[in-house]
Amino acid sequence: MRYDYASRHVSRIGVVLDVGGGNGDFLAFCGIDGIVLETLLGSDVTEIDSPKCQFVKYAGGTLPLRDRAVRTVVCLDALEHVPAQLRETFLEELRRVSDDRVTMTFPADSQSLYSVLLLVTRLYRRLGLNAVAERNLKEHMRFGLPRSEEVISSFVDSGWRVDSIREFSRLASFTMLVQYLLPFLAFRCLDRTLAHFLTKVSHGGTSYTYLTACRQ
């Protein structure tokens, strides 16, 4: 769902920057080259999915690019890993290096099932299946999740235009929990079916936000 949304809002003209882009799998999904900034290079990122991409180690703070250096900035599931007091500065940096647009996805506002998810991911770690999911959830809880309205206001107050926004209900969190408990539901064909269903349902409180903003 994240990749499908973001790929439809990425310009095919100019350079794409993926902040927190891991092993480049989003750019590989789009079939485009670009720049990936990642804090985990050399540790958790072991397999590069886009060998033609430029990978840059990012230690936080100022992005290592000049003003308006790239056309599109993509930031998928990274904002929630930035401490709350630093998020506004982080958003300013995304806008600074983008010449045209910023596309973001992030879990937002309230995750009522997080305590249950944490128990499941802890079990995954102990079974040696996945140690990253537990660490990520702990960061979400320690830093607090972003609020959609605050992110939108940050762009609007800076003179940007929010062109697209999609908010998903808490059913998205429940679906994530079900997929952890029943991993066969995360297979590609079933995952696409669930994603299609979730795009039709958006009631019951915000759980996840997709947002694209453009320069005026």
N, C-alpha and C. Protein backbone atom coordinates (compact mmCIF):
# COMPACT_ATOMS: atom_id res chain seq x y z
N MET A 1 0.83 -1.20 0.00
CA MET A 1 0.00 0.00 0.00
C MET A 1 0.86 1.25 0.00
N ARG A 2 1.89 1.27 0.84
CA ARG A 2 2.78 2.44 0.91
C ARG A 2 3.48 2.67 -0.41
N TYR A 3 4.05 1.62 -0.94
CA TYR A 3 4.82 1.76 -2.17
C TYR A 3 3.93 2.13 -3.34
N ASP A 4 2.73 1.55 -3.39
CA ASP A 4 1.82 1.86 -4.49
C ASP A 4 1.44 3.34 -4.44
N TYR A 5 1.08 3.83 -3.24
CA TYR A 5 0.72 5.24 -3.12
C TYR A 5 1.89 6.14 -3.52
N ALA A 6 3.05 5.90 -2.92
CA ALA A 6 4.20 6.78 -3.16
C ALA A 6 4.64 6.74 -4.62
N SER A 7 4.58 5.57 -5.25
CA SER A 7 5.04 5.46 -6.63
C SER A 7 4.18 6.29 -7.56
N ARG A 8 2.90 6.49 -7.21
CA ARG A 8 2.01 7.29 -8.05
C ARG A 8 2.24 8.79 -7.87
N HIS A 9 3.04 9.17 -6.88
CA HIS A 9 3.29 10.58 -6.63
C HIS A 9 4.76 10.95 -6.80
N VAL A 10 5.52 10.05 -7.38
CA VAL A 10 6.93 10.31 -7.65
C VAL A 10 7.10 10.78 -9.08
N SER A 11 7.75 11.92 -9.25
CA SER A 11 8.01 12.43 -10.59
C SER A 11 9.07 11.56 -11.28
N ARG A 12 8.87 11.25 -12.54
CA ARG A 12 9.84 10.48 -13.30
C ARG A 12 10.91 11.38 -13.91
N ILE A 13 10.77 12.69 -13.64
CA ILE A 13 11.76 13.66 -14.12
C ILE A 13 12.61 14.11 -12.93
N GLY A 14 13.92 14.15 -13.13
CA GLY A 14 14.79 14.59 -12.05
C GLY A 14 15.13 13.49 -11.07
N VAL A 15 15.87 13.86 -10.03
CA VAL A 15 16.39 12.91 -9.05
C VAL A 15 15.36 12.68 -7.95
N VAL A 16 15.23 11.43 -7.52
CA VAL A 16 14.38 11.07 -6.38
C VAL A 16 15.27 10.75 -5.19
N LEU A 17 14.96 11.33 -4.05
CA LEU A 17 15.68 11.07 -2.80
C LEU A 17 14.77 10.30 -1.87
N ASP A 18 15.22 9.13 -1.41
CA ASP A 18 14.47 8.32 -0.46
C ASP A 18 15.15 8.41 0.90
N VAL A 19 14.54 9.14 1.82
CA VAL A 19 15.12 9.34 3.15
C VAL A 19 14.67 8.20 4.06
N GLY A 20 15.65 7.46 4.58
CA GLY A 20 15.33 6.27 5.37
C GLY A 20 14.92 5.12 4.48
N GLY A 21 15.51 5.06 3.28
CA GLY A 21 15.07 4.11 2.26
C GLY A 21 15.62 2.71 2.36
N GLY A 22 16.28 2.37 3.47
CA GLY A 22 16.73 1.00 3.66
C GLY A 22 17.67 0.54 2.57
N ASN A 23 17.33 -0.57 1.93
CA ASN A 23 18.19 -1.15 0.90
C ASN A 23 17.79 -0.74 -0.51
N GLY A 24 16.97 0.30 -0.61
CA GLY A 24 16.59 0.79 -1.92
C GLY A 24 15.43 0.05 -2.54
N ASP A 25 14.66 -0.67 -1.74
CA ASP A 25 13.60 -1.49 -2.32
C ASP A 25 12.46 -0.67 -2.91
N PHE A 26 12.21 0.54 -2.36
CA PHE A 26 11.15 1.35 -2.97
C PHE A 26 11.54 1.82 -4.37
N LEU A 27 12.77 2.28 -4.53
CA LEU A 27 13.21 2.72 -5.85
C LEU A 27 13.24 1.54 -6.82
N ALA A 28 13.60 0.36 -6.32
CA ALA A 28 13.55 -0.84 -7.16
C ALA A 28 12.11 -1.16 -7.55
N PHE A 29 11.18 -0.96 -6.62
CA PHE A 29 9.75 -1.17 -6.89
C PHE A 29 9.28 -0.27 -8.03
N CYS A 30 9.78 0.98 -8.02
CA CYS A 30 9.39 1.95 -9.05
C CYS A 30 10.16 1.75 -10.35
N GLY A 31 11.28 1.03 -10.28
CA GLY A 31 12.12 0.86 -11.45
C GLY A 31 12.88 2.11 -11.82
N ILE A 32 13.26 2.90 -10.81
CA ILE A 32 13.98 4.15 -11.05
C ILE A 32 15.24 4.20 -10.19
N ASP A 33 16.19 5.01 -10.61
CA ASP A 33 17.40 5.24 -9.83
C ASP A 33 17.20 6.47 -8.96
N GLY A 34 18.07 6.66 -7.99
CA GLY A 34 17.96 7.82 -7.12
C GLY A 34 19.00 7.76 -6.03
N ILE A 35 18.74 8.51 -4.96
CA ILE A 35 19.63 8.57 -3.81
C ILE A 35 18.89 8.03 -2.60
N VAL A 36 19.53 7.16 -1.85
CA VAL A 36 18.96 6.63 -0.61
C VAL A 36 19.80 7.12 0.56
N LEU A 37 19.15 7.80 1.50
CA LEU A 37 19.80 8.18 2.75
C LEU A 37 19.35 7.20 3.82
N GLU A 38 20.30 6.60 4.53
CA GLU A 38 19.94 5.58 5.51
C GLU A 38 20.92 5.60 6.67
N THR A 39 20.39 5.55 7.88
CA THR A 39 21.24 5.55 9.08
C THR A 39 21.84 4.18 9.34
N LEU A 40 21.26 3.12 8.75
CA LEU A 40 21.66 1.76 9.09
C LEU A 40 22.62 1.14 8.09
N LEU A 41 23.15 1.90 7.15
CA LEU A 41 24.06 1.32 6.17
C LEU A 41 25.24 0.65 6.87
N GLY A 42 25.55 -0.56 6.42
CA GLY A 42 26.67 -1.28 7.01
C GLY A 42 26.28 -2.15 8.19
N SER A 43 25.01 -2.06 8.63
CA SER A 43 24.58 -2.91 9.74
C SER A 43 23.35 -3.71 9.34
N ASP A 44 22.15 -3.12 9.52
CA ASP A 44 20.94 -3.85 9.19
C ASP A 44 20.70 -3.95 7.69
N VAL A 45 21.18 -2.99 6.93
CA VAL A 45 20.99 -3.02 5.49
C VAL A 45 22.10 -3.87 4.87
N THR A 46 21.75 -5.06 4.45
CA THR A 46 22.77 -6.00 3.97
C THR A 46 22.63 -6.34 2.50
N GLU A 47 21.42 -6.25 1.97
CA GLU A 47 21.20 -6.59 0.58
C GLU A 47 20.65 -5.37 -0.16
N ILE A 48 21.36 -4.94 -1.19
CA ILE A 48 20.96 -3.76 -1.94
C ILE A 48 20.05 -4.17 -3.07
N ASP A 49 18.81 -3.62 -3.08
CA ASP A 49 17.84 -3.98 -4.11
C ASP A 49 18.00 -3.13 -5.37
N SER A 50 18.60 -1.94 -5.26
CA SER A 50 18.78 -1.06 -6.41
C SER A 50 20.26 -0.75 -6.56
N PRO A 51 21.03 -1.61 -7.24
CA PRO A 51 22.47 -1.42 -7.33
C PRO A 51 22.87 -0.14 -8.04
N LYS A 52 21.98 0.44 -8.85
CA LYS A 52 22.31 1.67 -9.56
C LYS A 52 22.09 2.92 -8.70
N CYS A 53 21.48 2.76 -7.55
CA CYS A 53 21.23 3.91 -6.68
C CYS A 53 22.48 4.32 -5.93
N GLN A 54 22.50 5.57 -5.53
CA GLN A 54 23.58 6.08 -4.70
C GLN A 54 23.14 5.99 -3.24
N PHE A 55 23.92 5.30 -2.42
CA PHE A 55 23.60 5.14 -1.01
C PHE A 55 24.49 6.05 -0.17
N VAL A 56 23.85 6.81 0.71
CA VAL A 56 24.57 7.78 1.52
C VAL A 56 24.24 7.53 2.99
N LYS A 57 25.27 7.42 3.81
CA LYS A 57 25.09 7.27 5.25
C LYS A 57 24.59 8.58 5.84
N TYR A 58 23.50 8.50 6.60
CA TYR A 58 22.88 9.69 7.18
C TYR A 58 22.88 9.55 8.69
N ALA A 59 23.50 10.47 9.37
CA ALA A 59 23.65 10.39 10.82
C ALA A 59 22.63 11.22 11.57
N GLY A 60 21.62 11.76 10.86
CA GLY A 60 20.63 12.61 11.49
C GLY A 60 21.00 14.08 11.35
N GLY A 61 20.04 14.94 11.65
CA GLY A 61 20.30 16.38 11.55
C GLY A 61 20.14 16.87 10.11
N THR A 62 21.03 17.75 9.70
CA THR A 62 20.96 18.35 8.37
C THR A 62 21.17 17.30 7.28
N LEU A 63 20.30 17.29 6.28
CA LEU A 63 20.46 16.36 5.17
C LEU A 63 21.67 16.80 4.34
N PRO A 64 22.51 15.84 3.91
CA PRO A 64 23.76 16.18 3.22
C PRO A 64 23.56 16.51 1.74
N LEU A 65 22.63 17.44 1.47
CA LEU A 65 22.37 17.89 0.11
C LEU A 65 22.13 19.39 0.13
N ARG A 66 22.38 20.02 -1.01
CA ARG A 66 22.15 21.46 -1.11
C ARG A 66 20.65 21.75 -1.24
N ASP A 67 20.28 23.02 -1.15
CA ASP A 67 18.89 23.43 -1.29
C ASP A 67 18.34 23.01 -2.65
N ARG A 68 17.14 22.44 -2.67
CA ARG A 68 16.43 22.06 -3.89
C ARG A 68 17.29 21.17 -4.80
N ALA A 69 18.02 20.26 -4.18
CA ALA A 69 18.95 19.40 -4.92
C ALA A 69 18.25 18.31 -5.71
N VAL A 70 17.07 17.88 -5.27
CA VAL A 70 16.35 16.80 -5.93
C VAL A 70 14.93 17.25 -6.24
N ARG A 71 14.32 16.59 -7.19
CA ARG A 71 12.95 16.97 -7.55
C ARG A 71 11.93 16.43 -6.55
N THR A 72 12.08 15.16 -6.20
CA THR A 72 11.11 14.51 -5.31
C THR A 72 11.81 13.93 -4.10
N VAL A 73 11.25 14.16 -2.91
CA VAL A 73 11.72 13.51 -1.69
C VAL A 73 10.65 12.53 -1.24
N VAL A 74 11.07 11.30 -0.98
CA VAL A 74 10.19 10.27 -0.45
C VAL A 74 10.65 9.92 0.95
N CYS A 75 9.71 9.82 1.87
CA CYS A 75 10.05 9.48 3.26
C CYS A 75 8.96 8.54 3.77
N LEU A 76 9.22 7.25 3.68
CA LEU A 76 8.22 6.23 4.02
C LEU A 76 8.53 5.59 5.35
N ASP A 77 7.63 5.78 6.30
CA ASP A 77 7.77 5.17 7.63
C ASP A 77 9.09 5.53 8.30
N ALA A 78 9.47 6.79 8.23
CA ALA A 78 10.69 7.25 8.91
C ALA A 78 10.38 8.33 9.94
N LEU A 79 9.34 9.12 9.72
CA LEU A 79 9.05 10.26 10.60
C LEU A 79 8.84 9.82 12.04
N GLU A 80 8.20 8.67 12.24
CA GLU A 80 7.92 8.19 13.59
C GLU A 80 9.17 7.74 14.33
N HIS A 81 10.29 7.61 13.61
CA HIS A 81 11.55 7.24 14.25
C HIS A 81 12.42 8.46 14.57
N VAL A 82 11.85 9.64 14.33
CA VAL A 82 12.51 10.89 14.70
C VAL A 82 11.89 11.36 16.01
N PRO A 83 12.70 11.69 17.04
CA PRO A 83 12.13 12.19 18.29
C PRO A 83 11.19 13.37 18.05
N ALA A 84 10.11 13.43 18.81
CA ALA A 84 9.06 14.43 18.57
C ALA A 84 9.60 15.84 18.51
N GLN A 85 10.57 16.17 19.37
CA GLN A 85 11.08 17.54 19.42
C GLN A 85 11.92 17.91 18.20
N LEU A 86 12.30 16.91 17.40
CA LEU A 86 13.13 17.15 16.22
C LEU A 86 12.35 17.04 14.91
N ARG A 87 11.08 16.71 14.99
CA ARG A 87 10.32 16.43 13.77
C ARG A 87 10.12 17.66 12.89
N GLU A 88 9.87 18.79 13.49
CA GLU A 88 9.67 19.99 12.68
C GLU A 88 10.94 20.34 11.90
N THR A 89 12.08 20.23 12.55
CA THR A 89 13.35 20.47 11.86
C THR A 89 13.56 19.46 10.75
N PHE A 90 13.19 18.20 11.01
CA PHE A 90 13.32 17.15 10.00
C PHE A 90 12.44 17.47 8.79
N LEU A 91 11.21 17.90 9.02
CA LEU A 91 10.31 18.25 7.92
C LEU A 91 10.85 19.46 7.14
N GLU A 92 11.42 20.41 7.84
CA GLU A 92 12.03 21.56 7.17
C GLU A 92 13.15 21.11 6.24
N GLU A 93 13.93 20.12 6.67
CA GLU A 93 15.01 19.62 5.85
C GLU A 93 14.49 18.90 4.60
N LEU A 94 13.41 18.14 4.75
CA LEU A 94 12.81 17.48 3.59
C LEU A 94 12.38 18.52 2.56
N ARG A 95 11.76 19.59 3.04
CA ARG A 95 11.32 20.65 2.13
C ARG A 95 12.49 21.40 1.51
N ARG A 96 13.53 21.60 2.30
CA ARG A 96 14.68 22.38 1.81
C ARG A 96 15.33 21.73 0.60
N VAL A 97 15.50 20.41 0.62
CA VAL A 97 16.24 19.74 -0.45
C VAL A 97 15.35 19.37 -1.63
N SER A 98 14.03 19.54 -1.50
CA SER A 98 13.11 19.19 -2.58
C SER A 98 12.81 20.39 -3.45
N ASP A 99 12.87 20.18 -4.76
CA ASP A 99 12.54 21.24 -5.70
C ASP A 99 11.07 21.23 -6.09
N ASP A 100 10.38 20.12 -5.79
CA ASP A 100 9.01 20.03 -6.28
C ASP A 100 8.04 19.45 -5.25
N ARG A 101 8.34 18.25 -4.72
CA ARG A 101 7.34 17.62 -3.87
C ARG A 101 7.97 16.71 -2.83
N VAL A 102 7.18 16.48 -1.77
CA VAL A 102 7.55 15.54 -0.70
C VAL A 102 6.39 14.57 -0.53
N THR A 103 6.69 13.29 -0.56
CA THR A 103 5.69 12.24 -0.35
C THR A 103 6.07 11.46 0.91
N MET A 104 5.10 11.33 1.83
CA MET A 104 5.38 10.70 3.11
C MET A 104 4.30 9.68 3.46
N THR A 105 4.69 8.67 4.22
CA THR A 105 3.74 7.80 4.90
C THR A 105 4.22 7.62 6.33
N PHE A 106 3.27 7.55 7.26
CA PHE A 106 3.66 7.35 8.67
C PHE A 106 2.45 6.89 9.48
N PRO A 107 2.68 6.03 10.49
CA PRO A 107 1.61 5.71 11.43
C PRO A 107 1.33 6.95 12.25
N ALA A 108 0.06 7.22 12.50
CA ALA A 108 -0.28 8.53 13.05
C ALA A 108 -1.24 8.44 14.23
N ASP A 109 -1.11 9.42 15.10
CA ASP A 109 -2.07 9.76 16.13
C ASP A 109 -2.25 8.69 17.21
N SER A 110 -2.85 7.58 16.87
CA SER A 110 -3.17 6.59 17.89
C SER A 110 -3.03 5.18 17.33
N GLN A 111 -2.33 4.33 18.09
CA GLN A 111 -2.21 2.92 17.70
C GLN A 111 -2.66 2.09 18.90
N SER A 112 -3.96 1.86 18.96
CA SER A 112 -4.54 1.21 20.14
C SER A 112 -4.09 -0.23 20.30
N LEU A 113 -3.59 -0.85 19.24
CA LEU A 113 -3.19 -2.26 19.31
C LEU A 113 -1.70 -2.44 19.52
N TYR A 114 -0.98 -1.35 19.79
CA TYR A 114 0.47 -1.44 19.87
C TYR A 114 0.96 -2.35 20.98
N SER A 115 0.29 -2.37 22.11
CA SER A 115 0.74 -3.21 23.22
C SER A 115 0.66 -4.68 22.83
N VAL A 116 -0.39 -5.06 22.08
CA VAL A 116 -0.52 -6.44 21.63
C VAL A 116 0.53 -6.73 20.56
N LEU A 117 0.72 -5.78 19.63
CA LEU A 117 1.73 -5.95 18.59
C LEU A 117 3.11 -6.14 19.20
N LEU A 118 3.39 -5.41 20.25
CA LEU A 118 4.69 -5.52 20.89
C LEU A 118 4.92 -6.91 21.46
N LEU A 119 3.89 -7.49 22.07
CA LEU A 119 4.01 -8.85 22.58
C LEU A 119 4.30 -9.84 21.46
N VAL A 120 3.63 -9.67 20.34
CA VAL A 120 3.82 -10.58 19.21
C VAL A 120 5.22 -10.43 18.63
N THR A 121 5.67 -9.19 18.45
CA THR A 121 7.01 -8.98 17.89
C THR A 121 8.10 -9.45 18.85
N ARG A 122 7.84 -9.38 20.14
CA ARG A 122 8.81 -9.90 21.11
C ARG A 122 8.94 -11.42 20.96
N LEU A 123 7.80 -12.07 20.72
CA LEU A 123 7.82 -13.51 20.48
C LEU A 123 8.60 -13.83 19.21
N TYR A 124 8.41 -13.01 18.16
CA TYR A 124 9.17 -13.20 16.92
C TYR A 124 10.66 -13.13 17.17
N ARG A 125 11.06 -12.16 17.99
CA ARG A 125 12.50 -12.01 18.28
C ARG A 125 13.03 -13.24 19.01
N ARG A 126 12.29 -13.72 19.98
CA ARG A 126 12.75 -14.87 20.76
C ARG A 126 12.81 -16.13 19.92
N LEU A 127 11.98 -16.20 18.90
CA LEU A 127 12.00 -17.35 18.01
C LEU A 127 13.03 -17.19 16.90
N GLY A 128 13.71 -16.05 16.89
CA GLY A 128 14.73 -15.79 15.88
C GLY A 128 14.16 -15.47 14.50
N LEU A 129 12.90 -15.02 14.45
CA LEU A 129 12.25 -14.75 13.17
C LEU A 129 12.43 -13.31 12.71
N ASN A 130 12.34 -12.36 13.65
CA ASN A 130 12.40 -10.95 13.29
C ASN A 130 12.70 -10.13 14.54
N ALA A 131 13.89 -9.54 14.59
CA ALA A 131 14.25 -8.72 15.75
C ALA A 131 14.00 -7.24 15.50
N VAL A 132 13.85 -6.86 14.23
CA VAL A 132 13.71 -5.45 13.88
C VAL A 132 12.34 -4.91 14.25
N ALA A 133 11.28 -5.71 14.08
CA ALA A 133 9.93 -5.24 14.32
C ALA A 133 9.74 -4.78 15.77
N GLU A 134 10.27 -5.53 16.72
CA GLU A 134 10.14 -5.15 18.13
C GLU A 134 10.87 -3.84 18.39
N ARG A 135 12.07 -3.69 17.86
CA ARG A 135 12.83 -2.47 18.05
C ARG A 135 12.09 -1.25 17.48
N ASN A 136 11.51 -1.43 16.30
CA ASN A 136 10.77 -0.33 15.68
C ASN A 136 9.57 0.09 16.51
N LEU A 137 8.82 -0.89 17.00
CA LEU A 137 7.65 -0.57 17.81
C LEU A 137 8.03 0.13 19.11
N LYS A 138 9.14 -0.26 19.70
CA LYS A 138 9.59 0.39 20.93
C LYS A 138 9.95 1.85 20.66
N GLU A 139 10.55 2.11 19.49
CA GLU A 139 10.84 3.50 19.12
C GLU A 139 9.56 4.30 18.94
N HIS A 140 8.55 3.70 18.32
CA HIS A 140 7.28 4.37 18.15
C HIS A 140 6.72 4.81 19.50
N MET A 141 6.77 3.90 20.45
CA MET A 141 6.21 4.17 21.76
C MET A 141 7.05 5.17 22.54
N ARG A 142 8.37 5.10 22.38
CA ARG A 142 9.26 6.01 23.12
C ARG A 142 9.18 7.44 22.57
N PHE A 143 9.14 7.57 21.25
CA PHE A 143 9.13 8.90 20.63
C PHE A 143 7.73 9.47 20.51
N GLY A 144 6.71 8.63 20.54
CA GLY A 144 5.35 9.08 20.28
C GLY A 144 5.11 9.18 18.78
N LEU A 145 3.89 8.89 18.37
CA LEU A 145 3.58 8.90 16.94
C LEU A 145 3.26 10.32 16.47
N PRO A 146 3.56 10.62 15.22
CA PRO A 146 3.22 11.95 14.68
C PRO A 146 1.71 12.15 14.66
N ARG A 147 1.30 13.41 14.66
CA ARG A 147 -0.11 13.74 14.49
C ARG A 147 -0.30 14.29 13.08
N SER A 148 -1.27 13.73 12.37
CA SER A 148 -1.48 14.11 10.98
C SER A 148 -1.66 15.61 10.81
N GLU A 149 -2.47 16.21 11.68
CA GLU A 149 -2.76 17.63 11.52
C GLU A 149 -1.52 18.49 11.72
N GLU A 150 -0.61 18.04 12.58
CA GLU A 150 0.61 18.81 12.80
C GLU A 150 1.52 18.75 11.58
N VAL A 151 1.61 17.59 10.94
CA VAL A 151 2.43 17.45 9.75
C VAL A 151 1.85 18.29 8.61
N ILE A 152 0.54 18.23 8.44
CA ILE A 152 -0.12 19.02 7.40
C ILE A 152 0.11 20.50 7.64
N SER A 153 -0.07 20.94 8.88
CA SER A 153 0.13 22.36 9.21
C SER A 153 1.56 22.79 8.94
N SER A 154 2.52 21.91 9.20
CA SER A 154 3.92 22.24 8.96
C SER A 154 4.15 22.59 7.50
N PHE A 155 3.54 21.83 6.59
CA PHE A 155 3.69 22.11 5.15
C PHE A 155 2.93 23.37 4.76
N VAL A 156 1.68 23.48 5.19
CA VAL A 156 0.84 24.62 4.80
C VAL A 156 1.42 25.93 5.33
N ASP A 157 1.87 25.92 6.57
CA ASP A 157 2.43 27.13 7.16
C ASP A 157 3.74 27.55 6.49
N SER A 158 4.38 26.60 5.80
CA SER A 158 5.62 26.90 5.09
C SER A 158 5.38 27.29 3.63
N GLY A 159 4.10 27.44 3.28
CA GLY A 159 3.77 27.87 1.93
C GLY A 159 3.65 26.75 0.92
N TRP A 160 3.62 25.50 1.39
CA TRP A 160 3.46 24.37 0.49
C TRP A 160 1.97 24.04 0.33
N ARG A 161 1.65 23.32 -0.72
CA ARG A 161 0.29 22.90 -1.00
C ARG A 161 0.19 21.39 -0.80
N VAL A 162 -0.75 20.96 0.03
CA VAL A 162 -0.96 19.53 0.24
C VAL A 162 -1.89 19.03 -0.86
N ASP A 163 -1.34 18.28 -1.79
CA ASP A 163 -2.09 17.83 -2.96
C ASP A 163 -2.85 16.54 -2.73
N SER A 164 -2.36 15.72 -1.83
CA SER A 164 -3.00 14.42 -1.63
C SER A 164 -2.82 14.00 -0.18
N ILE A 165 -3.89 13.55 0.41
CA ILE A 165 -3.79 12.99 1.76
C ILE A 165 -4.79 11.85 1.89
N ARG A 166 -4.33 10.77 2.48
CA ARG A 166 -5.19 9.58 2.67
C ARG A 166 -4.94 9.06 4.07
N GLU A 167 -6.00 8.94 4.84
CA GLU A 167 -5.87 8.45 6.20
C GLU A 167 -6.62 7.12 6.34
N PHE A 168 -5.95 6.17 6.97
CA PHE A 168 -6.53 4.85 7.15
C PHE A 168 -6.97 4.65 8.60
N SER A 169 -8.02 3.88 8.78
CA SER A 169 -8.60 3.68 10.10
C SER A 169 -7.78 2.69 10.92
N ARG A 170 -8.21 2.48 12.15
CA ARG A 170 -7.53 1.54 13.03
C ARG A 170 -7.64 0.10 12.53
N LEU A 171 -8.50 -0.12 11.57
CA LEU A 171 -8.57 -1.45 10.96
C LEU A 171 -7.24 -1.82 10.33
N ALA A 172 -6.47 -0.82 9.88
CA ALA A 172 -5.14 -1.10 9.31
C ALA A 172 -4.23 -1.70 10.37
N SER A 173 -4.29 -1.17 11.61
CA SER A 173 -3.49 -1.72 12.70
C SER A 173 -3.93 -3.14 13.04
N PHE A 174 -5.24 -3.36 13.03
CA PHE A 174 -5.75 -4.70 13.32
C PHE A 174 -5.29 -5.69 12.26
N THR A 175 -5.29 -5.25 10.99
CA THR A 175 -4.84 -6.11 9.90
C THR A 175 -3.37 -6.47 10.07
N MET A 176 -2.55 -5.49 10.50
CA MET A 176 -1.13 -5.75 10.74
C MET A 176 -0.97 -6.81 11.83
N LEU A 177 -1.76 -6.70 12.90
CA LEU A 177 -1.69 -7.67 13.98
C LEU A 177 -2.06 -9.07 13.49
N VAL A 178 -3.13 -9.16 12.69
CA VAL A 178 -3.56 -10.45 12.15
C VAL A 178 -2.47 -11.06 11.28
N GLN A 179 -1.78 -10.22 10.50
CA GLN A 179 -0.72 -10.74 9.64
C GLN A 179 0.48 -11.24 10.45
N TYR A 180 0.75 -10.60 11.57
CA TYR A 180 1.82 -11.11 12.44
C TYR A 180 1.43 -12.46 13.05
N LEU A 181 0.17 -12.59 13.43
CA LEU A 181 -0.28 -13.83 14.05
C LEU A 181 -0.45 -14.95 13.03
N LEU A 182 -0.86 -14.57 11.82
CA LEU A 182 -1.09 -15.54 10.73
C LEU A 182 -0.27 -15.11 9.52
N PRO A 183 1.04 -15.41 9.53
CA PRO A 183 1.93 -14.87 8.49
C PRO A 183 1.54 -15.21 7.06
N PHE A 184 0.78 -16.29 6.86
CA PHE A 184 0.40 -16.63 5.48
C PHE A 184 -0.49 -15.54 4.87
N LEU A 185 -1.12 -14.72 5.71
CA LEU A 185 -1.94 -13.62 5.20
C LEU A 185 -1.08 -12.47 4.67
N ALA A 186 0.23 -12.55 4.87
CA ALA A 186 1.13 -11.53 4.35
C ALA A 186 1.73 -11.91 3.01
N PHE A 187 1.34 -13.06 2.45
CA PHE A 187 1.81 -13.42 1.12
C PHE A 187 1.30 -12.40 0.11
N ARG A 188 2.02 -12.25 -0.97
CA ARG A 188 1.77 -11.14 -1.89
C ARG A 188 0.33 -11.06 -2.39
N CYS A 189 -0.23 -12.18 -2.83
CA CYS A 189 -1.57 -12.13 -3.41
C CYS A 189 -2.62 -11.75 -2.37
N LEU A 190 -2.52 -12.34 -1.16
CA LEU A 190 -3.46 -12.01 -0.10
C LEU A 190 -3.23 -10.60 0.42
N ASP A 191 -1.98 -10.19 0.46
CA ASP A 191 -1.65 -8.86 0.94
C ASP A 191 -2.26 -7.80 0.03
N ARG A 192 -2.21 -8.02 -1.26
CA ARG A 192 -2.80 -7.07 -2.21
C ARG A 192 -4.30 -6.99 -2.03
N THR A 193 -4.94 -8.14 -1.76
CA THR A 193 -6.38 -8.14 -1.54
C THR A 193 -6.74 -7.35 -0.29
N LEU A 194 -5.98 -7.56 0.79
CA LEU A 194 -6.22 -6.81 2.01
C LEU A 194 -5.98 -5.32 1.80
N ALA A 195 -4.93 -4.98 1.06
CA ALA A 195 -4.62 -3.58 0.79
C ALA A 195 -5.77 -2.92 0.02
N HIS A 196 -6.29 -3.63 -0.96
CA HIS A 196 -7.40 -3.10 -1.75
C HIS A 196 -8.62 -2.86 -0.86
N PHE A 197 -8.87 -3.79 0.05
CA PHE A 197 -10.01 -3.64 0.96
C PHE A 197 -9.82 -2.44 1.88
N LEU A 198 -8.62 -2.29 2.43
CA LEU A 198 -8.37 -1.19 3.36
C LEU A 198 -8.51 0.17 2.70
N THR A 199 -8.19 0.27 1.41
CA THR A 199 -8.33 1.55 0.73
C THR A 199 -9.79 1.97 0.61
N LYS A 200 -10.70 1.02 0.79
CA LYS A 200 -12.12 1.32 0.71
C LYS A 200 -12.72 1.68 2.07
N VAL A 201 -11.97 1.44 3.13
CA VAL A 201 -12.49 1.64 4.49
C VAL A 201 -11.62 2.66 5.20
N SER A 202 -12.20 3.73 5.69
CA SER A 202 -11.39 4.76 6.33
C SER A 202 -12.10 5.39 7.52
N HIS A 203 -12.84 4.57 8.27
CA HIS A 203 -13.59 5.09 9.40
C HIS A 203 -13.04 4.50 10.70
N GLY A 204 -13.25 5.21 11.79
CA GLY A 204 -12.89 4.67 13.09
C GLY A 204 -11.59 5.19 13.66
N GLY A 205 -11.19 6.39 13.30
CA GLY A 205 -9.98 6.97 13.87
C GLY A 205 -8.77 6.75 12.99
N THR A 206 -7.90 7.73 12.95
CA THR A 206 -6.73 7.65 12.07
C THR A 206 -5.67 6.72 12.64
N SER A 207 -5.21 5.80 11.83
CA SER A 207 -4.14 4.90 12.21
C SER A 207 -2.91 5.12 11.34
N TYR A 208 -3.12 5.54 10.09
CA TYR A 208 -2.02 5.64 9.15
C TYR A 208 -2.31 6.75 8.16
N THR A 209 -1.28 7.51 7.82
CA THR A 209 -1.45 8.66 6.94
C THR A 209 -0.50 8.59 5.76
N TYR A 210 -1.03 8.87 4.57
CA TYR A 210 -0.25 9.04 3.34
C TYR A 210 -0.42 10.50 2.93
N LEU A 211 0.67 11.17 2.59
CA LEU A 211 0.59 12.60 2.31
C LEU A 211 1.58 12.99 1.23
N THR A 212 1.14 13.83 0.30
CA THR A 212 2.02 14.42 -0.70
C THR A 212 1.82 15.92 -0.72
N ALA A 213 2.90 16.66 -0.59
CA ALA A 213 2.85 18.13 -0.61
C ALA A 213 3.78 18.65 -1.70
N CYS A 214 3.38 19.76 -2.33
CA CYS A 214 4.14 20.34 -3.43
C CYS A 214 4.45 21.81 -3.15
N ARG A 215 5.52 22.29 -3.72
CA ARG A 215 5.82 23.72 -3.65
C ARG A 215 4.73 24.50 -4.38
N GLN A 216 4.37 25.66 -3.86
CA GLN A 216 3.40 26.52 -4.52
C GLN A 216 4.02 27.14 -5.76
